[in-house]
Amino acid sequence: MTDTKSNIKKPTPSKVYNLRSAMLEFQKLSVTAKKDGKNPHFRSNYSTLESVIEAVNQGNQFGLFFTQVLRADYIVNENQPDVIQPVLKTTVHHVNDENTFVSELPIILAQGNMENPQKIGSAITYYKRYTLQSVYGLPSEDDDGNEASKPSVNISKPKPRGEDDGL
């Protein structure tokens, strides 16, 4: 329905009354997040958090919405120091339904990076992006992950003749 005075689409009331049927209707749209981010290190493109949110917000027309909450779990270790583990909880809700789809993912960083707010912020953004894609079932080619999962090849230079090889 379009308002003829302002030419703005007005939302039509959702005829979808529960989470599962709303998610089905959303997935029938075959929504994808545009790859508008560039990773110069890997020479690849990826979907930014903003484009993923724009894509999943198309589910609003079916009564879908999401929350993302960061919490800290305190982990007691017997033989090592105790640690605080940040965990991202992404939840998909429906306006007429108490059921939810939930993804909980611990944010894994090297201990040295846990004291660097920039590294923590980057990790949180990365995890938000991928848990949203996962919970909503958005297709994505993870250029960064594909590159990272390739086996590394170590090329060593041959030693010049006469150099002691330690044997």
Foldseek 3Di string as FASTA:
>chain_A
DADPVVRDDDQDAAPAQADVVLLVVLVVVLFAFDFPAADPVLRDTFHFLVSLQVRCCVSVSNQKDKDKDKDWDWADDDPDHIDIWIKIKMWIGGPNYPDIQIDIDTQDDDPVCVVPVVSVVVSVRVVSSVVSCVSSVHDTDDSVVVVVPDDDDDDDDDDDPPDDPPD
